[in-house]
Protein backbone atom coordinates (compact mmCIF):
# COMPACT_ATOMS: atom_id res chain seq x y z
CA MET A 1 26.28 2.88 5.44
CA ASP A 2 25.69 3.06 9.17
CA HIS A 3 23.32 5.99 8.70
CA LEU A 4 20.84 3.61 7.02
CA LEU A 5 20.64 1.38 10.09
CA THR A 6 18.75 1.84 13.34
CA GLU A 7 20.49 1.51 16.69
CA ASP A 8 18.84 -1.87 17.20
CA GLN A 9 20.14 -3.07 13.84
CA LYS A 10 23.64 -1.86 14.69
CA MET A 11 23.45 -3.79 17.96
CA VAL A 12 22.45 -6.94 16.07
CA ARG A 13 25.42 -6.46 13.75
CA ARG A 14 27.81 -5.97 16.68
CA THR A 15 26.51 -9.10 18.37
CA ILE A 16 26.76 -11.36 15.34
CA ARG A 17 30.12 -9.87 14.29
CA GLU A 18 31.58 -10.67 17.69
CA PHE A 19 30.19 -14.20 17.58
CA ALA A 20 31.40 -14.76 14.01
CA THR A 21 34.88 -13.53 14.86
CA GLU A 22 35.25 -15.54 18.04
CA LYS A 23 33.31 -18.71 17.26
CA VAL A 24 32.93 -19.12 13.49
CA ARG A 25 36.20 -17.83 12.03
CA PRO A 26 38.47 -20.25 13.95
CA GLY A 27 38.45 -23.54 12.10
CA ALA A 28 36.65 -22.24 9.01
CA ALA A 29 39.47 -23.24 6.66
CA GLU A 30 39.81 -26.63 8.35
CA ARG A 31 36.07 -27.28 8.12
CA ASP A 32 36.24 -26.43 4.42
CA GLU A 33 39.16 -28.79 3.89
CA LYS A 34 37.53 -31.67 5.77
CA GLU A 35 33.97 -30.92 4.61
CA GLU A 36 33.01 -30.88 8.28
CA PHE A 37 29.47 -29.83 9.23
CA PRO A 38 29.41 -27.04 11.90
CA THR A 39 26.93 -28.70 14.29
CA GLU A 40 28.19 -27.06 17.48
CA ILE A 41 28.20 -23.58 15.97
CA LEU A 42 24.60 -23.96 14.79
CA GLY A 43 23.51 -24.87 18.31
CA GLN A 44 25.16 -21.73 19.66
CA LEU A 45 23.52 -19.61 16.97
CA GLY A 46 20.18 -21.10 17.97
CA GLU A 47 20.73 -20.05 21.57
CA LEU A 48 21.33 -16.48 20.38
CA GLY A 49 18.13 -16.49 18.31
CA PHE A 50 19.88 -16.41 14.94
CA MET A 51 18.38 -19.64 13.59
CA GLY A 52 15.03 -17.84 13.57
CA VAL A 53 15.98 -14.20 13.14
CA THR A 54 12.65 -12.90 11.81
CA THR A 55 10.49 -15.58 13.42
CA SER A 56 8.23 -14.06 16.05
CA GLU A 57 9.21 -14.48 19.68
CA ARG A 58 5.98 -16.39 20.23
CA TYR A 59 7.50 -19.22 18.22
CA GLY A 60 10.99 -19.07 19.65
CA GLY A 61 12.54 -16.61 17.21
CA ALA A 62 14.26 -13.29 17.74
CA GLY A 63 11.38 -11.33 16.21
CA LEU A 64 13.72 -9.03 14.28
CA ASP A 65 13.21 -7.31 10.93
CA MET A 66 14.49 -8.47 7.55
CA VAL A 67 17.29 -5.90 7.42
CA SER A 68 18.65 -7.32 10.67
CA TYR A 69 18.49 -10.75 9.09
CA THR A 70 20.62 -9.59 6.13
CA LEU A 71 23.20 -8.25 8.59
CA VAL A 72 23.35 -11.64 10.31
CA ILE A 73 23.91 -13.54 7.06
CA GLU A 74 26.46 -11.02 5.78
CA GLU A 75 28.54 -11.03 8.95
CA ILE A 76 28.59 -14.84 9.23
CA SER A 77 29.41 -15.22 5.53
CA GLN A 78 32.39 -12.90 5.86
CA VAL A 79 34.12 -15.56 7.92
CA ASP A 80 32.43 -18.78 6.70
CA ALA A 81 29.98 -18.78 3.81
CA SER A 82 29.02 -22.39 4.54
CA VAL A 83 27.62 -21.45 7.93
CA GLY A 84 25.97 -18.44 6.31
CA LEU A 85 24.19 -20.73 3.85
CA ILE A 86 22.95 -23.16 6.51
CA VAL A 87 21.56 -20.31 8.59
CA SER A 88 19.99 -18.71 5.52
CA VAL A 89 18.18 -21.89 4.46
CA ASN A 90 16.84 -22.54 7.95
CA ASN A 91 15.63 -18.96 8.30
CA SER A 92 14.37 -18.03 4.85
CA LEU A 93 13.09 -21.30 3.48
CA ILE A 94 12.03 -23.18 6.59
CA CYS A 95 11.12 -20.89 9.48
CA ASN A 96 9.61 -18.11 7.37
CA THR A 97 7.54 -20.63 5.42
CA LEU A 98 6.29 -22.49 8.48
CA GLU A 99 5.28 -19.24 10.17
CA LYS A 100 3.49 -17.95 7.07
CA TYR A 101 1.70 -21.12 5.99
CA GLY A 102 1.75 -23.55 8.92
CA THR A 103 -1.11 -24.42 11.25
CA GLU A 104 -0.73 -23.73 14.96
CA ASP A 105 0.01 -27.40 15.58
CA GLN A 106 2.66 -27.41 12.85
CA LYS A 107 4.26 -24.31 14.32
CA GLN A 108 4.39 -25.86 17.77
CA LYS A 109 5.79 -29.12 16.43
CA TRP A 110 8.32 -27.86 13.89
CA LEU A 111 8.70 -24.08 13.85
CA ILE A 112 9.65 -23.56 17.48
CA PRO A 113 12.39 -26.23 17.43
CA SER A 114 13.69 -24.91 14.09
CA ALA A 115 13.81 -21.29 15.24
CA THR A 116 15.59 -22.19 18.47
CA GLY A 117 18.22 -24.38 16.84
CA LYS A 118 16.92 -27.66 18.25
CA MET A 119 15.90 -28.77 14.76
CA LEU A 120 17.37 -28.05 11.36
CA GLY A 121 15.35 -27.91 8.15
CA ALA A 122 16.05 -28.67 4.49
CA PHE A 123 14.20 -27.40 1.40
CA CYS A 124 13.44 -30.05 -1.24
CA LEU A 125 12.36 -28.61 -4.59
CA SER A 126 15.06 -29.47 -7.17
CA GLU A 127 15.07 -32.83 -8.93
CA PRO A 128 17.39 -34.48 -11.47
CA ASP A 129 15.10 -33.29 -14.31
CA ALA A 130 13.58 -30.24 -12.64
CA GLY A 131 16.02 -27.50 -11.71
CA SER A 132 15.13 -24.05 -13.02
CA ASP A 133 11.91 -25.57 -14.39
CA ALA A 134 10.52 -26.24 -10.94
CA ALA A 135 6.98 -26.71 -12.25
CA SER A 136 7.98 -29.96 -13.95
CA ILE A 137 8.75 -31.91 -10.77
CA GLN A 138 8.18 -35.65 -11.03
CA THR A 139 7.94 -36.52 -7.34
CA VAL A 140 4.33 -37.49 -6.60
CA ALA A 141 2.20 -37.43 -3.46
CA GLU A 142 -0.81 -39.72 -3.85
CA PRO A 143 -3.68 -39.50 -1.35
CA ASP A 144 -4.30 -42.82 0.41
CA GLY A 145 -7.26 -41.91 2.58
CA LYS A 146 -5.29 -41.24 5.75
CA GLY A 147 -2.62 -39.04 4.21
CA TYR A 148 -0.21 -39.32 1.29
CA VAL A 149 2.23 -41.78 -0.24
CA ILE A 150 5.23 -39.95 -1.67
CA ARG A 151 7.56 -41.33 -4.33
CA GLY A 152 10.43 -39.60 -6.09
CA THR A 153 13.95 -38.22 -5.91
CA LYS A 154 15.18 -34.80 -4.84
CA ASN A 155 18.70 -33.55 -5.35
CA PHE A 156 21.07 -30.76 -4.29
CA ILE A 157 19.47 -30.66 -0.84
CA THR A 158 21.34 -28.27 1.46
CA ASN A 159 21.46 -29.63 5.04
CA GLY A 160 20.12 -32.91 3.62
CA GLN A 161 22.31 -35.23 5.68
CA HIS A 162 22.07 -33.32 8.96
CA CYS A 163 18.54 -31.94 8.98
CA ASP A 164 15.64 -33.10 11.13
CA ILE A 165 12.80 -32.18 8.75
CA TYR A 166 12.40 -31.78 5.01
CA LEU A 167 10.04 -29.24 3.44
CA LEU A 168 9.27 -31.14 0.26
CA PHE A 169 7.26 -30.33 -2.85
CA ALA A 170 5.44 -32.99 -4.83
CA ALA A 171 2.73 -33.25 -7.47
CA THR A 172 -0.68 -34.25 -6.14
CA ASP A 173 -2.48 -33.91 -9.48
CA ARG A 174 -0.42 -33.71 -12.66
CA THR A 175 -3.41 -32.58 -14.74
CA LYS A 176 -3.52 -29.26 -12.87
CA GLY A 177 0.06 -28.14 -13.61
CA VAL A 178 1.44 -25.78 -10.96
CA GLN A 179 -1.97 -25.81 -9.27
CA GLY A 180 -1.50 -29.50 -8.58
CA ILE A 181 1.64 -29.25 -6.43
CA GLY A 182 1.59 -29.65 -2.67
CA ALA A 183 4.04 -28.86 0.14
CA PHE A 184 4.77 -31.43 2.84
CA ILE A 185 6.80 -31.71 6.03
CA ILE A 186 8.65 -35.01 6.27
CA PRO A 187 10.67 -35.94 9.36
CA ARG A 188 14.07 -37.35 8.51
CA ASN A 189 13.44 -40.70 10.23
CA THR A 190 10.30 -41.44 8.19
CA GLU A 191 10.25 -44.99 6.84
CA GLY A 192 10.98 -45.19 3.13
CA LEU A 193 13.09 -42.01 3.04
CA ARG A 194 16.67 -42.72 2.05
CA ILE A 195 19.50 -40.22 2.02
CA GLY A 196 21.60 -40.43 -1.13
CA LYS A 197 25.20 -39.60 -1.81
CA LYS A 198 26.82 -36.46 -0.50
CA GLU A 199 27.92 -34.14 -3.29
CA ARG A 200 31.62 -33.22 -3.52
CA LYS A 201 31.44 -29.51 -4.14
CA MET A 202 33.79 -26.83 -5.42
CA GLY A 203 32.93 -24.48 -2.57
CA ILE A 204 30.66 -24.11 0.47
CA ARG A 205 32.21 -27.43 1.45
CA SER A 206 31.30 -27.64 5.14
CA SER A 207 27.62 -27.30 4.26
CA ASP A 208 26.42 -30.73 3.19
CA CYS A 209 24.47 -31.23 -0.01
CA CYS A 210 22.91 -34.52 -1.03
CA SER A 211 20.04 -36.25 -2.79
CA ILE A 212 17.14 -37.99 -1.07
CA VAL A 213 15.06 -40.87 -2.39
CA LEU A 214 11.46 -41.43 -1.31
CA GLU A 215 10.12 -44.96 -1.77
CA ASP A 216 6.49 -45.26 -0.67
CA VAL A 217 6.89 -42.72 2.11
CA HIS A 218 3.65 -42.51 4.09
CA ILE A 219 2.85 -39.25 5.87
CA PRO A 220 -0.35 -38.14 7.62
CA LYS A 221 -2.55 -35.43 6.19
CA GLU A 222 -1.46 -33.21 9.08
CA ASN A 223 1.99 -32.99 7.49
CA ARG A 224 0.68 -31.12 4.45
CA LEU A 225 1.37 -27.39 4.51
CA ALA A 226 -1.64 -25.23 3.58
CA ASP A 227 -4.11 -26.40 0.91
CA GLU A 228 -3.21 -29.21 -1.47
CA GLY A 229 -2.58 -27.03 -4.53
CA MET A 230 -0.61 -24.32 -2.72
CA GLY A 231 2.80 -25.96 -3.05
CA PHE A 232 4.16 -24.03 -6.02
CA LYS A 233 3.09 -20.69 -4.56
CA ILE A 234 4.67 -21.61 -1.24
CA ALA A 235 7.94 -22.57 -2.96
CA MET A 236 8.14 -19.35 -4.99
CA THR A 237 7.29 -17.21 -1.96
CA ALA A 238 9.97 -18.95 0.07
CA LEU A 239 12.53 -18.42 -2.66
CA ASP A 240 11.83 -14.67 -2.72
CA SER A 241 13.04 -14.47 0.88
CA GLY A 242 15.79 -16.98 0.21
CA ARG A 243 17.21 -14.83 -2.56
CA ILE A 244 17.66 -11.96 -0.14
CA GLY A 245 19.60 -14.33 2.09
CA ILE A 246 21.85 -15.51 -0.74
CA ALA A 247 22.45 -11.92 -1.84
CA SER A 248 23.50 -11.13 1.73
CA GLN A 249 25.82 -14.12 1.67
CA ALA A 250 27.41 -12.83 -1.55
CA VAL A 251 27.91 -9.39 -0.01
CA GLY A 252 29.59 -10.98 3.01
CA VAL A 253 31.99 -13.04 0.90
CA ALA A 254 32.80 -10.01 -1.27
CA GLN A 255 33.44 -7.79 1.74
CA ALA A 256 35.83 -10.38 3.13
CA ALA A 257 37.67 -10.53 -0.21
CA LEU A 258 37.91 -6.74 -0.35
CA ASP A 259 39.27 -6.59 3.20
CA GLN A 260 41.85 -9.29 2.45
CA ALA A 261 42.95 -7.53 -0.73
CA LYS A 262 43.27 -4.16 0.97
CA THR A 263 45.36 -5.60 3.81
CA TYR A 264 47.61 -7.52 1.44
CA ALA A 265 48.10 -4.51 -0.84
CA LYS A 266 49.36 -2.45 2.10
CA LEU A 267 51.84 -5.13 3.13
CA ARG A 268 53.10 -6.45 -0.20
CA VAL A 269 56.15 -4.53 -1.38
CA GLN A 270 57.21 -4.47 -5.03
CA PHE A 271 59.62 -2.07 -6.76
CA GLY A 272 60.47 -0.62 -3.37
CA ARG A 273 56.99 0.32 -2.13
CA PRO A 274 53.67 -1.24 -1.10
CA ILE A 275 51.57 -2.17 -4.10
CA ALA A 276 48.69 -0.19 -2.55
CA GLU A 277 50.56 2.91 -3.73
CA PHE A 278 50.23 1.90 -7.37
CA GLN A 279 47.29 3.41 -9.22
CA ALA A 280 46.43 0.11 -10.91
CA ILE A 281 45.83 -1.50 -7.50
CA GLN A 282 44.01 1.56 -6.16
CA PHE A 283 41.60 1.50 -9.09
CA LYS A 284 40.88 -2.18 -8.50
CA LEU A 285 40.14 -1.57 -4.82
CA ALA A 286 37.95 1.44 -5.63
CA ASP A 287 35.86 -0.56 -8.09
CA MET A 288 35.57 -3.44 -5.63
CA ASP A 289 34.37 -1.16 -2.84
CA MET A 290 31.83 0.49 -5.13
CA LEU A 291 30.42 -2.87 -6.24
CA VAL A 292 30.14 -4.24 -2.71
CA ASN A 293 28.29 -1.18 -1.48
CA ALA A 294 25.98 -1.11 -4.50
CA ALA A 295 25.03 -4.74 -3.86
CA ARG A 296 24.50 -4.04 -0.19
CA MET A 297 22.11 -1.20 -1.07
CA LEU A 298 20.05 -3.53 -3.26
CA VAL A 299 19.92 -6.05 -0.42
CA TYR A 300 18.71 -3.39 2.02
CA LEU A 301 16.11 -2.25 -0.51
CA ALA A 302 14.69 -5.75 -0.94
CA ALA A 303 14.72 -6.39 2.81
CA THR A 304 13.03 -3.06 3.55
CA LYS A 305 10.35 -3.78 0.94
CA LYS A 306 9.63 -7.09 2.63
CA ASP A 307 9.56 -5.46 6.08
CA ARG A 308 6.94 -2.99 4.84
CA GLY A 309 4.69 -5.78 3.65
CA GLY A 310 4.82 -5.07 -0.06
CA ARG A 311 5.57 -7.48 -2.88
CA PHE A 312 9.35 -7.78 -3.15
CA THR A 313 9.87 -10.47 -5.80
CA THR A 314 11.58 -8.13 -8.28
CA GLU A 315 13.74 -6.43 -5.65
CA ALA A 316 14.87 -9.81 -4.32
CA ALA A 317 15.75 -10.97 -7.84
CA MET A 318 17.71 -7.78 -8.50
CA ALA A 319 19.59 -8.08 -5.22
CA LYS A 320 20.55 -11.70 -5.85
CA LEU A 321 21.47 -11.18 -9.50
CA PHE A 322 23.63 -8.14 -8.89
CA ALA A 323 25.24 -9.47 -5.71
CA SER A 324 26.11 -12.86 -7.21
CA ASP A 325 27.61 -11.21 -10.30
CA MET A 326 29.45 -8.75 -8.08
CA VAL A 327 30.99 -11.34 -5.76
CA ILE A 328 32.56 -13.20 -8.68
CA LYS A 329 34.22 -10.00 -9.92
CA VAL A 330 35.37 -8.91 -6.48
CA THR A 331 36.83 -12.27 -5.43
CA GLN A 332 38.61 -12.60 -8.77
CA GLU A 333 40.15 -9.16 -8.39
CA ALA A 334 41.11 -9.93 -4.80
CA LEU A 335 42.95 -13.03 -5.94
CA GLN A 336 44.61 -11.06 -8.74
CA ILE A 337 45.89 -8.49 -6.25
CA HIS A 338 47.37 -11.33 -4.20
CA GLY A 339 49.13 -12.69 -7.29
CA GLY A 340 50.52 -16.22 -7.11
CA VAL A 341 50.00 -16.65 -3.36
CA GLY A 342 46.29 -15.97 -3.82
CA TYR A 343 46.04 -19.16 -5.86
CA THR A 344 47.27 -21.22 -2.93
CA LYS A 345 45.40 -22.39 0.15
CA ASP A 346 47.76 -20.36 2.35
CA TYR A 347 45.51 -17.32 1.84
CA PRO A 348 41.71 -17.23 2.30
CA VAL A 349 40.93 -15.58 -1.05
CA GLU A 350 41.17 -18.98 -2.76
CA ARG A 351 38.31 -20.27 -0.62
CA LEU A 352 36.32 -17.07 -1.05
CA LEU A 353 36.44 -17.39 -4.84
CA ARG A 354 35.30 -21.02 -4.68
CA ASP A 355 32.47 -20.11 -2.31
CA ALA A 356 31.37 -17.21 -4.51
CA LYS A 357 30.51 -19.16 -7.65
CA VAL A 358 27.47 -21.02 -6.37
CA THR A 359 25.62 -17.80 -5.53
CA GLU A 360 24.96 -17.53 -9.28
CA ILE A 361 23.28 -20.94 -9.23
CA TYR A 362 21.29 -21.88 -6.15
CA GLU A 363 17.88 -20.49 -5.18
CA GLY A 364 17.39 -19.47 -8.79
CA THR A 365 20.15 -19.09 -11.38
CA SER A 366 21.18 -15.69 -12.69
CA GLU A 367 19.26 -16.47 -15.87
CA ILE A 368 16.08 -17.04 -13.86
CA GLN A 369 16.60 -13.76 -11.99
CA ARG A 370 16.84 -11.90 -15.29
CA PHE A 371 13.63 -13.57 -16.41
CA VAL A 372 11.86 -12.49 -13.19
CA ILE A 373 13.08 -8.90 -13.56
CA ALA A 374 12.20 -8.67 -17.24
CA ARG A 375 8.74 -10.12 -16.67
CA SER A 376 8.06 -7.49 -14.03
CA LEU A 377 9.42 -4.72 -16.22
CA LEU A 378 7.33 -5.68 -19.24
CA ARG A 379 4.19 -6.12 -17.15
CA ASP A 380 3.99 -2.35 -16.53
């Protein structure tokens, strides 16, 4: 698909591929086993501009387009999907949102450090009783004259234990429904904010995920993002970009699984010849390659739509839905081609399959993506 990319985009891909191969791949399996957060790697990515890929250079970012961003997430995720997720959240949900909705002071205070890798952000929308139904959040932000007092619990917070700032959504006026939700920036060391237990996950294990509890957390009015009732719109806009990132992550994991399966099929000998010579294996590999490239095309489509300034909600939903469905099929087939050894930790396909599953869940489940697509379709 090189013909779809510009020379600048190819250069970005070469740069991040080299970094991923040399710096991220070593230790990926060990980080997964130990659930070890990749702090040093994130700092190096920040120095290269990849913690703020599409953030303008004025605010410390690389100032690249969205297609370049998808290449970055895909290449990192091919070697370590956990690092791919962390970078995706910081880019899509934090930096993009701060640049779009933040004041100049907020950008100076939080966007520049986030885009340069000196700060890390976390996105706090989900709650114990508000997952797919994000509009029913129970966390409240009550005005107190000088700012807000925030009370509530958020869960499944990616980067929650290691971040420096939380972009958090809370109800400011329950009588207004989604129009009564605000968005707030909360520094991690704010009094009254307590980090809950770290989740023990099936996959993406070196990316931390936890709950946070807010008990009378006082923040100044200057920490509110945009107008008071803009929170729900901000969250949904952020998730549109985030879904492109997760789709790119899924493509990266699937490409890695395909590459592993192809290599193994050429080396594994059964009945006197490599299994790659058997039609059953060839058909599996052909279907896997087709699915990966189809998902990649949908990712490029959504990214290009965003780059051109048009509404891309449906395209992002399609990319995430198809890519997350695809990566499950491809990683399962890759493990099947490996046979018994694929089920062991001696080969990376076991980790790839575990990492793949969550792409159907976070930043909007597959069911939610179908709802978004259908709603758009029936609107016409």
